[in-house]
């Protein structure tokens, strides 16, 4: 059984409802959701004048390989209304599902970069991740999530919400 950490993000539509739908789709097509962080709100990262983003980290247990998982996750995004473009700039979105970790593997292919290559730079990812697995060691940087959060250069405000999905 593979342990996977995913970050859910979005800033369009009803993100709370979308995150619930993501978890239902994951349960049907990927595996069990064994942990969920609280929801977090932050300013759009790398974007001017965009609505705030909401994020949540979930832990999933799956029999899928990393390559199979990314295909299923992209299909879930598409089913929920995500339209990907070829642009290299950040854009507002209904849903984004990022693979943060796949077990403790380091995977570098044309389509996959695990652990997520910018994870350590993003407080909006580290805060919810730290809530559920502060002692998990990022295998490339060899630091715990708590250490990465402490060292994170991101100065943006990340607010933990009391609303639960």
N, C-alpha and C. Protein backbone atom coordinates (compact mmCIF):
# COMPACT_ATOMS: atom_id res chain seq x y z
N UNK A 1 0.84 -1.18 0.00
CA UNK A 1 0.00 0.00 0.00
C UNK A 1 0.89 1.24 0.00
N UNK A 2 0.59 2.16 -0.87
CA UNK A 2 1.36 3.40 -0.99
C UNK A 2 0.70 4.50 -0.18
N UNK A 3 1.53 5.28 0.50
CA UNK A 3 1.06 6.45 1.24
C UNK A 3 1.39 7.69 0.43
N UNK A 4 0.35 8.47 0.16
CA UNK A 4 0.49 9.64 -0.70
C UNK A 4 -0.06 10.86 0.01
N UNK A 5 0.64 11.97 -0.09
CA UNK A 5 0.13 13.23 0.42
C UNK A 5 -0.19 14.12 -0.76
N UNK A 6 -1.41 14.64 -0.77
CA UNK A 6 -1.89 15.50 -1.84
C UNK A 6 -2.27 16.85 -1.28
N UNK A 7 -2.06 17.89 -2.06
CA UNK A 7 -2.52 19.22 -1.70
C UNK A 7 -3.65 19.60 -2.64
N UNK A 8 -4.80 19.95 -2.05
CA UNK A 8 -5.94 20.43 -2.82
C UNK A 8 -5.92 21.95 -2.74
N UNK A 9 -6.16 22.60 -3.86
CA UNK A 9 -6.17 24.05 -3.88
C UNK A 9 -7.17 24.58 -4.88
N UNK A 10 -7.67 25.76 -4.62
CA UNK A 10 -8.57 26.42 -5.55
C UNK A 10 -8.95 27.79 -5.05
N UNK A 11 -9.40 28.64 -5.97
CA UNK A 11 -9.86 29.97 -5.58
C UNK A 11 -11.08 30.43 -6.39
N UNK A 12 -11.72 29.51 -7.08
CA UNK A 12 -12.94 29.84 -7.83
C UNK A 12 -14.06 28.90 -7.39
N UNK A 13 -15.28 29.40 -7.40
CA UNK A 13 -16.41 28.55 -7.02
C UNK A 13 -16.42 28.28 -5.53
N UNK A 14 -17.16 27.24 -5.13
CA UNK A 14 -17.26 26.84 -3.73
C UNK A 14 -16.18 25.81 -3.45
N UNK A 15 -15.04 26.27 -3.00
CA UNK A 15 -13.89 25.39 -2.79
C UNK A 15 -14.17 24.32 -1.75
N UNK A 16 -14.95 24.65 -0.73
CA UNK A 16 -15.27 23.67 0.31
C UNK A 16 -16.01 22.49 -0.29
N UNK A 17 -16.99 22.78 -1.13
CA UNK A 17 -17.76 21.72 -1.78
C UNK A 17 -16.88 20.96 -2.77
N UNK A 18 -16.05 21.68 -3.50
CA UNK A 18 -15.16 21.03 -4.46
C UNK A 18 -14.21 20.07 -3.76
N UNK A 19 -13.66 20.46 -2.62
CA UNK A 19 -12.75 19.58 -1.87
C UNK A 19 -13.48 18.32 -1.42
N UNK A 20 -14.74 18.46 -0.99
CA UNK A 20 -15.54 17.28 -0.62
C UNK A 20 -15.70 16.35 -1.81
N UNK A 21 -15.98 16.93 -2.98
CA UNK A 21 -16.15 16.13 -4.19
C UNK A 21 -14.85 15.43 -4.57
N UNK A 22 -13.72 16.12 -4.42
CA UNK A 22 -12.42 15.51 -4.70
C UNK A 22 -12.24 14.27 -3.82
N UNK A 23 -12.52 14.41 -2.54
CA UNK A 23 -12.33 13.29 -1.61
C UNK A 23 -13.24 12.12 -1.98
N UNK A 24 -14.46 12.41 -2.41
CA UNK A 24 -15.37 11.34 -2.84
C UNK A 24 -14.84 10.63 -4.09
N UNK A 25 -14.37 11.41 -5.05
CA UNK A 25 -13.79 10.82 -6.27
C UNK A 25 -12.55 9.98 -5.93
N UNK A 26 -11.74 10.47 -5.02
CA UNK A 26 -10.53 9.74 -4.62
C UNK A 26 -10.92 8.41 -3.97
N UNK A 27 -11.92 8.45 -3.10
CA UNK A 27 -12.37 7.22 -2.45
C UNK A 27 -12.87 6.20 -3.47
N UNK A 28 -13.49 6.67 -4.54
CA UNK A 28 -14.05 5.79 -5.57
C UNK A 28 -13.00 5.26 -6.54
N UNK A 29 -11.95 6.05 -6.80
CA UNK A 29 -11.03 5.69 -7.89
C UNK A 29 -9.57 5.48 -7.48
N UNK A 30 -9.20 5.96 -6.30
CA UNK A 30 -7.78 5.94 -5.91
C UNK A 30 -7.54 5.06 -4.70
N UNK A 31 -8.27 5.32 -3.63
CA UNK A 31 -8.07 4.59 -2.38
C UNK A 31 -8.69 5.35 -1.23
N UNK A 32 -8.29 5.01 -0.02
CA UNK A 32 -8.90 5.63 1.15
C UNK A 32 -8.18 6.92 1.54
N UNK A 33 -8.97 7.87 2.02
CA UNK A 33 -8.44 9.11 2.56
C UNK A 33 -8.31 8.88 4.07
N UNK A 34 -7.07 8.76 4.54
CA UNK A 34 -6.86 8.40 5.94
C UNK A 34 -6.62 9.59 6.86
N UNK A 35 -6.28 10.75 6.31
CA UNK A 35 -6.09 11.97 7.10
C UNK A 35 -6.44 13.17 6.26
N UNK A 36 -6.96 14.21 6.92
CA UNK A 36 -7.25 15.47 6.26
C UNK A 36 -6.85 16.60 7.19
N UNK A 37 -6.18 17.59 6.65
CA UNK A 37 -5.86 18.78 7.45
C UNK A 37 -7.10 19.66 7.52
N UNK A 38 -7.01 20.69 8.31
CA UNK A 38 -8.01 21.75 8.29
C UNK A 38 -7.91 22.44 6.94
N UNK A 39 -8.84 23.33 6.68
CA UNK A 39 -8.76 24.17 5.49
C UNK A 39 -7.98 25.43 5.83
N UNK A 40 -7.24 25.93 4.86
CA UNK A 40 -6.42 27.12 5.04
C UNK A 40 -6.72 28.11 3.93
N UNK A 41 -6.67 29.39 4.27
CA UNK A 41 -6.90 30.47 3.31
C UNK A 41 -5.65 31.32 3.22
N UNK A 42 -5.28 31.67 1.99
CA UNK A 42 -4.10 32.51 1.79
C UNK A 42 -4.28 33.37 0.56
N UNK A 43 -3.49 34.42 0.49
CA UNK A 43 -3.49 35.25 -0.70
C UNK A 43 -2.95 34.44 -1.87
N UNK A 44 -3.41 34.76 -3.05
CA UNK A 44 -2.93 34.08 -4.26
C UNK A 44 -1.43 34.25 -4.37
N UNK A 45 -0.72 33.15 -4.57
CA UNK A 45 0.74 33.13 -4.60
C UNK A 45 1.19 33.34 -6.04
N UNK A 46 1.99 34.38 -6.28
CA UNK A 46 2.50 34.64 -7.62
C UNK A 46 1.48 35.25 -8.57
N UNK A 47 0.38 35.77 -8.01
CA UNK A 47 -0.68 36.36 -8.84
C UNK A 47 -1.14 37.67 -8.21
N UNK A 48 -1.36 38.69 -9.03
CA UNK A 48 -1.87 39.96 -8.54
C UNK A 48 -3.38 40.02 -8.69
N UNK A 49 -4.05 40.57 -7.70
CA UNK A 49 -5.48 40.85 -7.74
C UNK A 49 -6.35 39.63 -8.02
N UNK A 50 -5.92 38.48 -7.56
CA UNK A 50 -6.71 37.25 -7.71
C UNK A 50 -7.40 36.97 -6.37
N UNK A 51 -8.53 36.27 -6.41
CA UNK A 51 -9.19 35.91 -5.14
C UNK A 51 -8.27 35.02 -4.29
N UNK A 52 -8.50 35.06 -2.98
CA UNK A 52 -7.73 34.21 -2.07
C UNK A 52 -7.90 32.74 -2.46
N UNK A 53 -6.88 31.96 -2.13
CA UNK A 53 -6.91 30.52 -2.35
C UNK A 53 -7.28 29.79 -1.06
N UNK A 54 -7.85 28.63 -1.23
CA UNK A 54 -8.10 27.72 -0.13
C UNK A 54 -7.29 26.46 -0.41
N UNK A 55 -6.72 25.90 0.64
CA UNK A 55 -5.90 24.69 0.50
C UNK A 55 -6.20 23.71 1.61
N UNK A 56 -5.96 22.45 1.31
CA UNK A 56 -6.07 21.38 2.28
C UNK A 56 -5.11 20.27 1.86
N UNK A 57 -4.49 19.61 2.82
CA UNK A 57 -3.65 18.46 2.54
C UNK A 57 -4.37 17.22 3.02
N UNK A 58 -4.34 16.19 2.18
CA UNK A 58 -4.94 14.91 2.55
C UNK A 58 -3.91 13.80 2.36
N UNK A 59 -4.04 12.78 3.20
CA UNK A 59 -3.21 11.59 3.08
C UNK A 59 -4.09 10.50 2.49
N UNK A 60 -3.58 9.84 1.46
CA UNK A 60 -4.34 8.81 0.74
C UNK A 60 -3.52 7.53 0.74
N UNK A 61 -4.20 6.42 0.93
CA UNK A 61 -3.57 5.11 0.81
C UNK A 61 -4.11 4.45 -0.45
N UNK A 62 -3.19 4.05 -1.33
CA UNK A 62 -3.58 3.56 -2.65
C UNK A 62 -2.69 2.41 -3.10
N UNK A 63 -3.24 1.60 -3.98
CA UNK A 63 -2.46 0.56 -4.64
C UNK A 63 -1.93 1.04 -5.99
N UNK A 64 -2.33 2.24 -6.42
CA UNK A 64 -1.88 2.78 -7.70
C UNK A 64 -0.41 3.16 -7.65
N UNK A 65 0.25 3.08 -8.79
CA UNK A 65 1.61 3.61 -8.91
C UNK A 65 1.50 5.13 -9.03
N UNK A 66 2.62 5.82 -8.89
CA UNK A 66 2.63 7.27 -9.04
C UNK A 66 2.17 7.67 -10.44
N UNK A 67 2.59 6.92 -11.45
CA UNK A 67 2.22 7.22 -12.84
C UNK A 67 0.72 7.02 -13.06
N UNK A 68 0.15 5.97 -12.46
CA UNK A 68 -1.30 5.75 -12.56
C UNK A 68 -2.06 6.83 -11.80
N UNK A 69 -1.53 7.21 -10.65
CA UNK A 69 -2.18 8.20 -9.80
C UNK A 69 -2.32 9.54 -10.49
N UNK A 70 -1.27 10.04 -11.13
CA UNK A 70 -1.34 11.35 -11.76
C UNK A 70 -2.40 11.37 -12.86
N UNK A 71 -2.54 10.28 -13.59
CA UNK A 71 -3.56 10.21 -14.64
C UNK A 71 -4.96 10.32 -14.03
N UNK A 72 -5.20 9.60 -12.95
CA UNK A 72 -6.51 9.64 -12.28
C UNK A 72 -6.77 11.02 -11.69
N UNK A 73 -5.78 11.62 -11.07
CA UNK A 73 -5.97 12.95 -10.47
C UNK A 73 -6.28 14.02 -11.52
N UNK A 74 -5.60 13.95 -12.64
CA UNK A 74 -5.89 14.90 -13.73
C UNK A 74 -7.31 14.72 -14.25
N UNK A 75 -7.77 13.47 -14.28
CA UNK A 75 -9.15 13.19 -14.72
C UNK A 75 -10.15 13.73 -13.69
N UNK A 76 -9.86 13.61 -12.41
CA UNK A 76 -10.73 14.17 -11.37
C UNK A 76 -10.82 15.68 -11.52
N UNK A 77 -9.67 16.33 -11.71
CA UNK A 77 -9.67 17.78 -11.93
C UNK A 77 -10.57 18.15 -13.11
N UNK A 78 -10.43 17.42 -14.18
CA UNK A 78 -11.21 17.69 -15.40
C UNK A 78 -12.71 17.50 -15.14
N UNK A 79 -13.08 16.42 -14.45
CA UNK A 79 -14.49 16.17 -14.12
C UNK A 79 -15.09 17.29 -13.29
N UNK A 80 -14.26 17.90 -12.45
CA UNK A 80 -14.74 18.97 -11.57
C UNK A 80 -14.62 20.35 -12.20
N UNK A 81 -14.26 20.41 -13.48
CA UNK A 81 -14.29 21.68 -14.21
C UNK A 81 -12.98 22.36 -14.43
N UNK A 82 -11.87 21.73 -14.09
CA UNK A 82 -10.56 22.35 -14.30
C UNK A 82 -10.23 22.33 -15.78
N UNK A 83 -9.88 23.49 -16.30
CA UNK A 83 -9.43 23.59 -17.69
C UNK A 83 -7.98 24.04 -17.67
N UNK A 84 -7.10 23.16 -18.09
CA UNK A 84 -5.67 23.49 -18.12
C UNK A 84 -5.34 24.22 -19.42
N UNK A 85 -4.41 25.17 -19.30
CA UNK A 85 -3.95 25.90 -20.48
C UNK A 85 -2.44 25.68 -20.60
N UNK A 86 -1.89 26.11 -21.70
CA UNK A 86 -0.45 25.95 -21.92
C UNK A 86 0.38 27.07 -21.32
N UNK A 87 -0.27 28.01 -20.66
CA UNK A 87 0.45 29.15 -20.10
C UNK A 87 1.38 28.70 -18.97
N UNK A 88 2.45 29.44 -18.78
CA UNK A 88 3.39 29.14 -17.71
C UNK A 88 3.15 30.03 -16.49
N UNK A 89 2.17 30.93 -16.57
CA UNK A 89 1.86 31.81 -15.44
C UNK A 89 0.80 31.17 -14.57
N UNK A 90 0.77 31.58 -13.30
CA UNK A 90 -0.24 31.07 -12.38
C UNK A 90 -1.58 31.67 -12.73
N UNK A 91 -2.64 30.85 -12.58
CA UNK A 91 -3.99 31.29 -12.90
C UNK A 91 -4.96 30.85 -11.81
N UNK A 92 -6.06 31.59 -11.69
CA UNK A 92 -7.13 31.17 -10.79
C UNK A 92 -7.67 29.84 -11.30
N UNK A 93 -8.19 29.03 -10.38
CA UNK A 93 -8.68 27.71 -10.79
C UNK A 93 -9.73 27.19 -9.83
N UNK A 94 -10.58 26.32 -10.37
CA UNK A 94 -11.59 25.64 -9.55
C UNK A 94 -10.95 24.63 -8.63
N UNK A 95 -9.99 23.87 -9.16
CA UNK A 95 -9.34 22.83 -8.37
C UNK A 95 -7.95 22.55 -8.93
N UNK A 96 -7.05 22.28 -8.03
CA UNK A 96 -5.70 21.84 -8.37
C UNK A 96 -5.36 20.75 -7.37
N UNK A 97 -4.88 19.63 -7.86
CA UNK A 97 -4.49 18.53 -6.98
C UNK A 97 -3.02 18.23 -7.27
N UNK A 98 -2.19 18.51 -6.28
CA UNK A 98 -0.75 18.28 -6.43
C UNK A 98 -0.32 17.09 -5.59
N UNK A 99 0.52 16.24 -6.16
CA UNK A 99 1.15 15.17 -5.39
C UNK A 99 2.35 15.77 -4.69
N UNK A 100 2.31 15.76 -3.36
CA UNK A 100 3.43 16.29 -2.58
C UNK A 100 4.48 15.22 -2.34
N UNK A 101 4.00 14.05 -1.87
CA UNK A 101 4.87 12.92 -1.58
C UNK A 101 4.20 11.63 -2.03
N UNK A 102 5.00 10.69 -2.49
CA UNK A 102 4.55 9.34 -2.81
C UNK A 102 5.48 8.41 -2.06
N UNK A 103 4.99 7.89 -0.91
CA UNK A 103 5.85 7.19 0.04
C UNK A 103 7.00 8.14 0.35
N UNK A 104 8.21 7.66 0.31
CA UNK A 104 9.37 8.55 0.49
C UNK A 104 10.22 8.54 -0.76
N UNK A 105 9.56 8.27 -1.89
CA UNK A 105 10.26 8.14 -3.16
C UNK A 105 10.63 9.49 -3.75
N UNK A 106 11.71 9.48 -4.51
CA UNK A 106 12.10 10.61 -5.33
C UNK A 106 11.86 10.17 -6.77
N UNK A 107 10.95 10.86 -7.45
CA UNK A 107 10.57 10.49 -8.82
C UNK A 107 10.77 11.71 -9.72
N UNK A 108 11.57 11.55 -10.75
CA UNK A 108 11.83 12.62 -11.72
C UNK A 108 11.61 12.07 -13.12
N UNK A 109 10.46 12.41 -13.71
CA UNK A 109 10.18 12.03 -15.09
C UNK A 109 9.69 13.27 -15.84
N UNK A 110 9.33 13.09 -17.08
CA UNK A 110 8.79 14.22 -17.86
C UNK A 110 7.47 14.72 -17.28
N UNK A 111 6.71 13.83 -16.65
CA UNK A 111 5.38 14.21 -16.16
C UNK A 111 5.27 14.29 -14.64
N UNK A 112 6.25 13.78 -13.92
CA UNK A 112 6.18 13.75 -12.46
C UNK A 112 7.46 14.27 -11.82
N UNK A 113 7.27 15.08 -10.80
CA UNK A 113 8.38 15.56 -9.97
C UNK A 113 7.94 15.41 -8.52
N UNK A 114 8.40 14.34 -7.89
CA UNK A 114 8.01 14.03 -6.52
C UNK A 114 9.28 13.81 -5.72
N UNK A 115 9.40 14.47 -4.55
CA UNK A 115 8.45 15.36 -3.91
C UNK A 115 8.23 16.63 -4.75
N UNK A 116 7.11 17.29 -4.46
CA UNK A 116 6.78 18.50 -5.21
C UNK A 116 7.97 19.47 -5.11
N UNK A 117 8.46 19.95 -6.25
CA UNK A 117 9.72 20.72 -6.26
C UNK A 117 9.66 22.09 -5.57
N UNK A 118 8.48 22.67 -5.37
CA UNK A 118 8.39 23.99 -4.73
C UNK A 118 7.71 23.92 -3.36
N UNK A 119 7.50 22.73 -2.87
CA UNK A 119 6.84 22.52 -1.59
C UNK A 119 7.48 23.34 -0.46
N UNK A 120 8.78 23.34 -0.38
CA UNK A 120 9.50 24.01 0.71
C UNK A 120 9.44 25.53 0.64
N UNK A 121 8.95 26.07 -0.48
CA UNK A 121 8.85 27.51 -0.67
C UNK A 121 7.45 28.05 -0.42
N UNK A 122 6.50 27.17 -0.11
CA UNK A 122 5.09 27.56 -0.06
C UNK A 122 4.48 27.30 1.31
N UNK A 123 4.30 28.37 2.04
CA UNK A 123 3.73 28.25 3.39
C UNK A 123 2.31 27.71 3.33
N UNK A 124 1.56 28.02 2.27
CA UNK A 124 0.19 27.55 2.17
C UNK A 124 0.10 26.04 1.99
N UNK A 125 1.20 25.39 1.62
CA UNK A 125 1.28 23.93 1.56
C UNK A 125 1.86 23.39 2.87
N UNK A 126 2.89 24.05 3.37
CA UNK A 126 3.57 23.57 4.57
C UNK A 126 2.70 23.64 5.82
N UNK A 127 1.89 24.68 5.95
CA UNK A 127 1.03 24.80 7.15
C UNK A 127 0.09 23.60 7.29
N UNK A 128 -0.72 23.28 6.27
CA UNK A 128 -1.61 22.11 6.43
C UNK A 128 -0.85 20.79 6.52
N UNK A 129 0.27 20.69 5.83
CA UNK A 129 1.09 19.48 5.89
C UNK A 129 1.65 19.30 7.30
N UNK A 130 2.10 20.40 7.88
CA UNK A 130 2.65 20.38 9.24
C UNK A 130 1.59 19.99 10.27
N UNK A 131 0.37 20.34 9.99
CA UNK A 131 -0.72 19.99 10.91
C UNK A 131 -0.87 18.47 11.04
N UNK A 132 -0.70 17.74 9.94
CA UNK A 132 -0.94 16.29 10.00
C UNK A 132 0.32 15.44 10.06
N UNK A 133 1.45 15.93 9.54
CA UNK A 133 2.70 15.13 9.58
C UNK A 133 3.94 16.00 9.81
N UNK A 134 4.05 16.65 10.96
CA UNK A 134 5.19 17.56 11.18
C UNK A 134 6.54 16.86 11.15
N UNK A 135 6.58 15.58 11.45
CA UNK A 135 7.86 14.87 11.52
C UNK A 135 8.22 14.10 10.25
N UNK A 136 7.38 14.20 9.22
CA UNK A 136 7.69 13.55 7.95
C UNK A 136 8.94 14.21 7.36
N UNK A 137 9.89 13.40 6.91
CA UNK A 137 11.14 13.93 6.37
C UNK A 137 11.07 14.02 4.84
N UNK A 138 11.25 15.24 4.34
CA UNK A 138 11.30 15.46 2.89
C UNK A 138 12.59 14.79 2.40
N UNK A 139 12.48 13.80 1.50
CA UNK A 139 13.64 12.97 1.16
C UNK A 139 14.76 13.65 0.36
N UNK A 140 14.50 14.74 -0.30
CA UNK A 140 15.54 15.43 -1.06
C UNK A 140 16.32 16.38 -0.14
N UNK A 141 15.58 17.17 0.64
CA UNK A 141 16.21 18.17 1.51
C UNK A 141 16.59 17.59 2.87
N UNK A 142 16.08 16.40 3.17
CA UNK A 142 16.36 15.70 4.43
C UNK A 142 16.03 16.56 5.65
N UNK A 143 14.88 17.23 5.58
CA UNK A 143 14.37 18.03 6.71
C UNK A 143 12.93 17.63 6.96
N UNK A 144 12.51 17.77 8.22
CA UNK A 144 11.11 17.49 8.54
C UNK A 144 10.23 18.62 8.01
N UNK A 145 8.95 18.35 7.94
CA UNK A 145 8.00 19.38 7.51
C UNK A 145 8.05 20.56 8.48
N UNK A 146 8.14 20.28 9.77
CA UNK A 146 8.24 21.36 10.76
C UNK A 146 9.48 22.22 10.52
N UNK A 147 10.60 21.60 10.19
CA UNK A 147 11.82 22.36 9.89
C UNK A 147 11.66 23.18 8.62
N UNK A 148 11.05 22.59 7.59
CA UNK A 148 10.83 23.31 6.34
C UNK A 148 9.93 24.52 6.57
N UNK A 149 8.89 24.34 7.38
CA UNK A 149 7.98 25.46 7.68
C UNK A 149 8.73 26.56 8.42
N UNK A 150 9.53 26.18 9.38
CA UNK A 150 10.32 27.15 10.15
C UNK A 150 11.27 27.94 9.24
N UNK A 151 11.85 27.27 8.25
CA UNK A 151 12.83 27.90 7.36
C UNK A 151 12.22 28.53 6.11
N UNK A 152 10.91 28.39 5.93
CA UNK A 152 10.26 28.82 4.69
C UNK A 152 10.38 30.33 4.48
N UNK A 153 10.84 30.75 3.29
CA UNK A 153 11.00 32.18 3.00
C UNK A 153 9.68 32.89 2.67
N UNK A 154 8.60 32.15 2.49
CA UNK A 154 7.29 32.71 2.14
C UNK A 154 6.76 33.50 3.34
N UNK A 155 6.50 34.79 3.14
CA UNK A 155 6.01 35.65 4.24
C UNK A 155 4.50 35.90 4.14
N UNK A 156 3.83 35.25 3.21
CA UNK A 156 2.39 35.45 3.05
C UNK A 156 1.61 34.93 4.25
N UNK A 157 0.46 35.55 4.49
CA UNK A 157 -0.42 35.14 5.58
C UNK A 157 -1.15 33.86 5.18
N UNK A 158 -1.16 32.89 6.06
CA UNK A 158 -1.91 31.65 5.86
C UNK A 158 -2.79 31.48 7.09
N UNK A 159 -4.10 31.48 6.86
CA UNK A 159 -5.07 31.46 7.96
C UNK A 159 -5.77 30.10 8.02
N UNK A 160 -5.68 29.46 9.17
CA UNK A 160 -6.38 28.19 9.39
C UNK A 160 -7.86 28.51 9.64
N UNK A 161 -8.73 27.80 8.92
CA UNK A 161 -10.16 28.01 9.06
C UNK A 161 -10.76 26.97 9.99
N UNK A 162 -11.85 27.31 10.64
CA UNK A 162 -12.51 26.36 11.53
C UNK A 162 -13.51 25.49 10.79
N UNK A 163 -13.86 25.90 9.58
CA UNK A 163 -14.81 25.14 8.76
C UNK A 163 -14.19 23.79 8.42
N UNK A 164 -14.94 22.73 8.63
CA UNK A 164 -14.42 21.38 8.34
C UNK A 164 -15.21 20.78 7.20
N UNK A 165 -14.54 20.02 6.33
CA UNK A 165 -15.23 19.33 5.24
C UNK A 165 -15.51 17.91 5.65
